[in-house]
């Protein structure tokens, strides 16, 4: 996904086109952290670091939906979404991915 997907645009910024286009925000309050505070944009698996209400985390499209939307699946992968990819992803799920990613880099 990191290399073949469309790129996010930040006109005039030196990092324009350097980030994958993010997943669709399906619901829940908040905005990407870099839009609210003076932070460098950071993404984990297509979800920006988020500024919002912890008691009402936002939801995003699944990785499978993202790949289908951008036609990034190989032949035969379109058949059916894995069971883990059938519900929207919450920001809390993304936090777990960050921890998993950190463990993999140790």
N, C-alpha and C. Protein backbone atom coordinates (compact mmCIF):
# COMPACT_ATOMS: atom_id res chain seq x y z
N UNK A 1 0.83 -1.19 0.00
CA UNK A 1 0.00 0.00 0.00
C UNK A 1 0.87 1.24 0.00
N UNK A 2 1.94 1.22 0.72
CA UNK A 2 2.76 2.40 0.90
C UNK A 2 3.32 2.93 -0.42
N UNK A 3 3.55 2.05 -1.39
CA UNK A 3 4.23 2.48 -2.60
C UNK A 3 3.32 2.66 -3.81
N UNK A 4 2.20 1.95 -3.88
CA UNK A 4 1.35 1.99 -5.06
C UNK A 4 0.13 2.89 -4.92
N UNK A 5 -0.22 3.28 -3.74
CA UNK A 5 -1.46 4.03 -3.54
C UNK A 5 -1.29 5.49 -3.95
N UNK A 6 -2.42 6.17 -4.17
CA UNK A 6 -2.36 7.60 -4.48
C UNK A 6 -1.75 8.36 -3.30
N UNK A 7 -1.27 9.54 -3.58
CA UNK A 7 -0.57 10.34 -2.58
C UNK A 7 -1.43 11.50 -2.08
N UNK A 8 -1.25 11.84 -0.80
CA UNK A 8 -1.92 13.00 -0.20
C UNK A 8 -1.21 14.27 -0.67
N UNK A 9 -1.98 15.33 -0.84
CA UNK A 9 -1.40 16.58 -1.34
C UNK A 9 -1.39 17.66 -0.26
N UNK A 10 -0.24 18.29 -0.16
CA UNK A 10 -0.03 19.42 0.73
C UNK A 10 0.63 20.52 -0.11
N UNK A 11 -0.16 21.23 -0.94
CA UNK A 11 0.42 22.22 -1.85
C UNK A 11 1.35 23.20 -1.13
N UNK A 12 2.53 23.36 -1.68
CA UNK A 12 3.52 24.29 -1.15
C UNK A 12 4.40 23.71 -0.07
N UNK A 13 4.06 22.55 0.48
CA UNK A 13 4.87 21.94 1.53
C UNK A 13 5.91 21.02 0.89
N UNK A 14 7.09 20.93 1.50
CA UNK A 14 8.13 20.09 0.94
C UNK A 14 7.75 18.61 0.96
N UNK A 15 6.78 18.23 1.79
CA UNK A 15 6.36 16.84 1.87
C UNK A 15 5.12 16.55 1.02
N UNK A 16 4.78 17.46 0.11
CA UNK A 16 3.64 17.24 -0.80
C UNK A 16 3.88 15.96 -1.59
N UNK A 17 2.90 15.07 -1.58
CA UNK A 17 2.99 13.83 -2.32
C UNK A 17 3.82 12.74 -1.66
N UNK A 18 4.27 12.97 -0.43
CA UNK A 18 5.11 11.99 0.26
C UNK A 18 4.32 10.99 1.09
N UNK A 19 3.07 11.31 1.43
CA UNK A 19 2.25 10.44 2.26
C UNK A 19 1.19 9.74 1.42
N UNK A 20 0.85 8.49 1.77
CA UNK A 20 -0.27 7.83 1.10
C UNK A 20 -1.57 8.60 1.39
N UNK A 21 -2.46 8.57 0.43
CA UNK A 21 -3.78 9.16 0.67
C UNK A 21 -4.39 8.44 1.87
N UNK A 22 -4.97 9.18 2.81
CA UNK A 22 -5.50 8.54 4.02
C UNK A 22 -6.77 7.75 3.75
N UNK A 23 -7.12 6.91 4.71
CA UNK A 23 -8.39 6.20 4.64
C UNK A 23 -9.54 7.18 4.81
N UNK A 24 -10.70 6.82 4.33
CA UNK A 24 -11.88 7.68 4.48
C UNK A 24 -12.31 7.72 5.93
N UNK A 25 -12.60 8.91 6.41
CA UNK A 25 -13.13 9.12 7.77
C UNK A 25 -14.64 8.91 7.67
N UNK A 26 -15.14 7.86 8.33
CA UNK A 26 -16.56 7.51 8.21
C UNK A 26 -17.44 8.15 9.26
N UNK A 27 -16.89 8.46 10.42
CA UNK A 27 -17.72 9.06 11.46
C UNK A 27 -16.93 9.33 12.72
N UNK A 28 -17.55 10.05 13.62
CA UNK A 28 -16.90 10.41 14.87
C UNK A 28 -16.25 11.78 14.76
N UNK A 29 -16.16 12.48 15.90
CA UNK A 29 -15.62 13.83 15.88
C UNK A 29 -14.10 13.87 15.79
N UNK A 30 -13.59 15.03 15.51
CA UNK A 30 -12.16 15.27 15.49
C UNK A 30 -11.63 15.53 14.10
N UNK A 31 -10.35 15.84 14.07
CA UNK A 31 -9.65 16.13 12.81
C UNK A 31 -8.22 15.64 12.94
N UNK A 32 -7.53 15.49 11.81
CA UNK A 32 -6.12 15.11 11.89
C UNK A 32 -5.35 16.13 12.73
N UNK A 33 -4.42 15.63 13.53
CA UNK A 33 -3.66 16.46 14.46
C UNK A 33 -2.95 17.61 13.75
N UNK A 34 -2.40 17.35 12.57
CA UNK A 34 -1.65 18.39 11.85
C UNK A 34 -2.55 19.52 11.34
N UNK A 35 -3.86 19.28 11.27
CA UNK A 35 -4.79 20.34 10.87
C UNK A 35 -5.19 21.23 12.04
N UNK A 36 -5.02 20.73 13.26
CA UNK A 36 -5.47 21.44 14.45
C UNK A 36 -4.30 22.14 15.15
N UNK A 37 -3.18 21.45 15.26
CA UNK A 37 -2.00 21.98 15.94
C UNK A 37 -0.83 22.01 14.98
N UNK A 38 0.20 22.66 15.36
CA UNK A 38 1.38 22.78 14.51
C UNK A 38 2.25 21.53 14.64
N UNK A 39 1.78 20.43 14.06
CA UNK A 39 2.49 19.16 14.08
C UNK A 39 2.76 18.71 12.66
N UNK A 40 3.86 17.99 12.48
CA UNK A 40 4.17 17.38 11.20
C UNK A 40 3.16 16.25 10.97
N UNK A 41 2.61 16.09 9.76
CA UNK A 41 1.66 15.01 9.50
C UNK A 41 2.29 13.64 9.74
N UNK A 42 1.57 12.80 10.45
CA UNK A 42 2.02 11.43 10.72
C UNK A 42 0.85 10.49 10.49
N UNK A 43 1.12 9.39 9.80
CA UNK A 43 0.10 8.39 9.50
C UNK A 43 0.54 7.02 9.97
N UNK A 44 -0.44 6.22 10.34
CA UNK A 44 -0.20 4.81 10.63
C UNK A 44 -1.25 4.01 9.88
N UNK A 45 -0.81 3.22 8.92
CA UNK A 45 -1.71 2.39 8.12
C UNK A 45 -2.83 3.22 7.49
N UNK A 46 -2.51 4.41 7.01
CA UNK A 46 -3.48 5.25 6.32
C UNK A 46 -4.38 6.08 7.20
N UNK A 47 -4.11 6.13 8.51
CA UNK A 47 -4.91 6.94 9.43
C UNK A 47 -3.98 7.97 10.07
N UNK A 48 -4.33 9.26 9.91
CA UNK A 48 -3.53 10.33 10.50
C UNK A 48 -3.57 10.25 12.02
N UNK A 49 -2.53 10.77 12.67
CA UNK A 49 -2.62 11.00 14.11
C UNK A 49 -3.79 11.94 14.31
N UNK A 50 -4.62 11.65 15.29
CA UNK A 50 -5.94 12.27 15.39
C UNK A 50 -6.08 13.13 16.63
N UNK A 51 -6.80 14.24 16.49
CA UNK A 51 -7.14 15.13 17.59
C UNK A 51 -8.65 15.05 17.75
N UNK A 52 -9.11 14.53 18.87
CA UNK A 52 -10.55 14.36 19.04
C UNK A 52 -10.91 14.02 20.47
N UNK A 53 -12.09 13.46 20.61
CA UNK A 53 -12.64 13.11 21.92
C UNK A 53 -12.36 11.63 22.17
N UNK A 54 -11.55 11.30 23.18
CA UNK A 54 -11.21 9.89 23.42
C UNK A 54 -12.43 9.01 23.71
N UNK A 55 -13.49 9.57 24.28
CA UNK A 55 -14.67 8.77 24.61
C UNK A 55 -15.53 8.47 23.38
N UNK A 56 -15.26 9.14 22.27
CA UNK A 56 -16.03 8.94 21.04
C UNK A 56 -15.05 8.88 19.87
N UNK A 57 -14.28 7.79 19.76
CA UNK A 57 -13.25 7.73 18.73
C UNK A 57 -13.85 7.67 17.32
N UNK A 58 -13.19 8.30 16.37
CA UNK A 58 -13.67 8.27 14.99
C UNK A 58 -13.48 6.89 14.37
N UNK A 59 -14.20 6.64 13.30
CA UNK A 59 -14.06 5.38 12.56
C UNK A 59 -13.61 5.68 11.13
N UNK A 60 -12.93 4.70 10.55
CA UNK A 60 -12.37 4.85 9.21
C UNK A 60 -12.67 3.59 8.39
N UNK A 61 -12.57 3.72 7.08
CA UNK A 61 -12.77 2.55 6.23
C UNK A 61 -11.70 1.51 6.54
N UNK A 62 -12.01 0.25 6.26
CA UNK A 62 -11.05 -0.82 6.51
C UNK A 62 -9.95 -0.79 5.45
N UNK A 63 -8.88 -1.51 5.75
CA UNK A 63 -7.78 -1.60 4.79
C UNK A 63 -8.27 -2.26 3.50
N UNK A 64 -9.10 -3.28 3.63
CA UNK A 64 -9.64 -3.96 2.45
C UNK A 64 -10.45 -2.99 1.59
N UNK A 65 -11.32 -2.19 2.22
CA UNK A 65 -12.11 -1.20 1.47
C UNK A 65 -11.21 -0.18 0.78
N UNK A 66 -10.16 0.24 1.46
CA UNK A 66 -9.20 1.18 0.89
C UNK A 66 -8.56 0.59 -0.35
N UNK A 67 -8.11 -0.66 -0.25
CA UNK A 67 -7.46 -1.31 -1.38
C UNK A 67 -8.41 -1.50 -2.56
N UNK A 68 -9.66 -1.86 -2.28
CA UNK A 68 -10.67 -2.00 -3.34
C UNK A 68 -10.91 -0.65 -4.00
N UNK A 69 -11.09 0.39 -3.19
CA UNK A 69 -11.39 1.74 -3.72
C UNK A 69 -10.30 2.23 -4.66
N UNK A 70 -9.05 1.91 -4.36
CA UNK A 70 -7.94 2.37 -5.19
C UNK A 70 -7.44 1.32 -6.17
N UNK A 71 -8.21 0.22 -6.30
CA UNK A 71 -7.89 -0.85 -7.25
C UNK A 71 -6.46 -1.36 -7.05
N UNK A 72 -6.11 -1.66 -5.80
CA UNK A 72 -4.77 -2.12 -5.47
C UNK A 72 -4.70 -3.61 -5.15
N UNK A 73 -5.82 -4.32 -5.27
CA UNK A 73 -5.81 -5.76 -5.02
C UNK A 73 -5.42 -6.52 -6.28
N UNK A 74 -4.79 -7.64 -6.08
CA UNK A 74 -4.42 -8.51 -7.19
C UNK A 74 -5.63 -9.36 -7.59
N UNK A 75 -5.55 -9.98 -8.75
CA UNK A 75 -6.62 -10.86 -9.20
C UNK A 75 -6.87 -11.94 -8.16
N UNK A 76 -8.13 -12.22 -7.86
CA UNK A 76 -8.48 -13.23 -6.88
C UNK A 76 -8.60 -12.69 -5.46
N UNK A 77 -8.07 -11.51 -5.19
CA UNK A 77 -8.17 -10.94 -3.85
C UNK A 77 -9.48 -10.18 -3.64
N UNK A 78 -10.23 -9.95 -4.71
CA UNK A 78 -11.49 -9.20 -4.61
C UNK A 78 -12.64 -10.04 -4.09
N UNK A 79 -12.48 -11.34 -4.06
CA UNK A 79 -13.59 -12.24 -3.80
C UNK A 79 -14.38 -11.89 -2.54
N UNK A 80 -13.71 -11.82 -1.42
CA UNK A 80 -14.43 -11.57 -0.18
C UNK A 80 -13.49 -10.95 0.84
N UNK A 81 -14.00 -10.00 1.60
CA UNK A 81 -13.19 -9.38 2.64
C UNK A 81 -12.96 -10.37 3.77
N UNK A 82 -11.75 -10.38 4.33
CA UNK A 82 -11.52 -11.20 5.53
C UNK A 82 -12.44 -10.73 6.64
N UNK A 83 -12.84 -11.63 7.53
CA UNK A 83 -13.79 -11.29 8.58
C UNK A 83 -13.32 -10.09 9.41
N UNK A 84 -12.02 -9.98 9.64
CA UNK A 84 -11.50 -8.87 10.43
C UNK A 84 -11.61 -7.53 9.72
N UNK A 85 -11.95 -7.56 8.43
CA UNK A 85 -12.03 -6.32 7.65
C UNK A 85 -13.47 -5.95 7.28
N UNK A 86 -14.44 -6.43 8.04
CA UNK A 86 -15.83 -6.16 7.68
C UNK A 86 -16.46 -5.05 8.51
N UNK A 87 -15.79 -4.56 9.53
CA UNK A 87 -16.35 -3.46 10.32
C UNK A 87 -15.40 -2.26 10.22
N UNK A 88 -15.93 -1.05 10.35
CA UNK A 88 -15.06 0.13 10.29
C UNK A 88 -13.98 0.08 11.36
N UNK A 89 -12.87 0.68 11.08
CA UNK A 89 -11.74 0.71 11.99
C UNK A 89 -11.84 1.95 12.85
N UNK A 90 -11.65 1.80 14.16
CA UNK A 90 -11.66 2.97 15.03
C UNK A 90 -10.24 3.42 15.30
N UNK A 91 -10.11 4.64 15.77
CA UNK A 91 -8.80 5.18 16.09
C UNK A 91 -8.12 4.33 17.16
N UNK A 92 -8.91 3.70 18.03
CA UNK A 92 -8.35 2.84 19.06
C UNK A 92 -7.66 1.63 18.42
N UNK A 93 -8.24 1.10 17.34
CA UNK A 93 -7.61 0.00 16.61
C UNK A 93 -6.26 0.44 16.05
N UNK A 94 -6.21 1.67 15.54
CA UNK A 94 -4.97 2.19 14.96
C UNK A 94 -3.89 2.31 16.02
N UNK A 95 -4.27 2.66 17.25
CA UNK A 95 -3.29 2.74 18.34
C UNK A 95 -2.68 1.37 18.60
N UNK A 96 -3.47 0.33 18.51
CA UNK A 96 -2.96 -1.04 18.69
C UNK A 96 -1.98 -1.38 17.57
N UNK A 97 -2.26 -0.92 16.35
CA UNK A 97 -1.35 -1.17 15.24
C UNK A 97 -0.01 -0.51 15.49
N UNK A 98 -0.03 0.69 16.05
CA UNK A 98 1.21 1.40 16.33
C UNK A 98 2.06 0.59 17.30
N UNK A 99 1.43 0.04 18.33
CA UNK A 99 2.17 -0.78 19.30
C UNK A 99 2.74 -2.01 18.63
N UNK A 100 1.96 -2.63 17.74
CA UNK A 100 2.43 -3.81 17.02
C UNK A 100 3.60 -3.45 16.12
N UNK A 101 3.51 -2.31 15.43
CA UNK A 101 4.57 -1.86 14.56
C UNK A 101 5.87 -1.61 15.36
N UNK A 102 5.73 -1.04 16.57
CA UNK A 102 6.89 -0.79 17.42
C UNK A 102 7.55 -2.10 17.82
N UNK A 103 6.74 -3.13 18.15
CA UNK A 103 7.29 -4.43 18.52
C UNK A 103 8.06 -5.05 17.36
N UNK A 104 7.53 -4.88 16.15
CA UNK A 104 8.18 -5.45 14.96
C UNK A 104 9.52 -4.79 14.67
N UNK A 105 9.66 -3.52 15.07
CA UNK A 105 10.89 -2.79 14.80
C UNK A 105 11.95 -3.01 15.87
N UNK A 106 11.60 -3.70 16.95
CA UNK A 106 12.58 -3.96 18.03
C UNK A 106 13.61 -4.98 17.62
